[in-house]
Amino acid sequence: MRASQASTRRLAADLALLLVTAIWGSTFVLVKDAVAQYPVLPFLALRFAVAAVALAPAAWRARGRLCRSDLPAGMTAGALLFAGYAFQTFGLQETSASKAGFITGLSVVLVPLLVALLWRRLPTWGALAGTGLATLGLALLSLNADWSVGRGDLLVLGCAFSFAGHITALGALSPGRDARILTLVQVTTVAGLSAAASLLGGGFPEVPGPAWGAALFTGLAATALAFFIQTAAQQFTTAGHTALIFTAEPVFAALFGVLVAGERLAPRGWLGSAAILGGVILGALAQGAEAPARGAAPAGASPESG
């Protein structure tokens, strides 16, 4: 019965993380239009401030579950999240969006490496196969003939390491904590760091109407809701599997681009999308087979904390 409950929780966590991935993928067109009219770092400060305001009432109701370590835990995860966005923002100024998308997606490879280095917990062969298939899909979906490496590519690689660190940190820090409190600390940290970076970079220009709309939607749906779901769901699945599910983000971005923006996806893109989804499914099957032996302890967590 206990194993059945754990399996149900893992499935629910996977579906919740897939919903998060779809939400993030749906915002690409919206954010692209918004940052064409408004600087990126002030937009991030606005977006995450909206999320913090939205999360504050729920976190206040959960204040009885606050523990002393919630603040440093959330700030650590939030700092990694901000670093990811900052590296990605500056890297995109010097490299193509397609290469940036692929390099960012390499976090699916980096998470198992970080877990192995920090906790000596090796991924299964099934998980490795799913990761490899998803990485191949990312390459087909994102890369073109330009294989040169420039400074922008290295900055985006810093983004991939930061996002991998964020996923790994949540895998270790979220179990046993209230997701409302931990999420609020994370988004407040990102909002504060983004605001500080914006002030150093020239301040906050007047916000145009479309940027306000984008900040409200992304702040509520793609930040407050999405990061709350991720923080809660990672208590029941592994960090490596979370990263694998997140490789589906460019698939959803391409799908919404076709449906909403009238973009066209070449056959190679459809093949890459299929490979990514195949890798996610393979990873889920591998995790299900692995669960009876290892349980549902997050891959980011040390054995003592699970």
Foldseek 3Di string as FASTA:
>chain_A
DVLVVLLVLLVVLLVLLLVLLLLLLLLPVLVVVQCVPFPDLVLLLLLLVLLLVVLVVVVVVVVVQDDPCLQVLLLVLLVLLLLLSVLLRVLVVPDPPLLLLLLLLCLLVVLQVVLCVPAVDHDDPLLVVLSVLLSVLSCLQRDDPDPDDDPSSVSSNSSNNSVSVSLLSLLAPLAPGQLSSSLSSNSVSSSVVSQVVQVVVPHGDDRDPSSVVSSNSCSHPNRNVSSSSSSVSSQSAASSLSSLSSSLNNVSNVVSCCVPVVDDGDPSNVVSNVSSVVSNVSNSVSCSVCCVVPNRRYSSHHPVRD
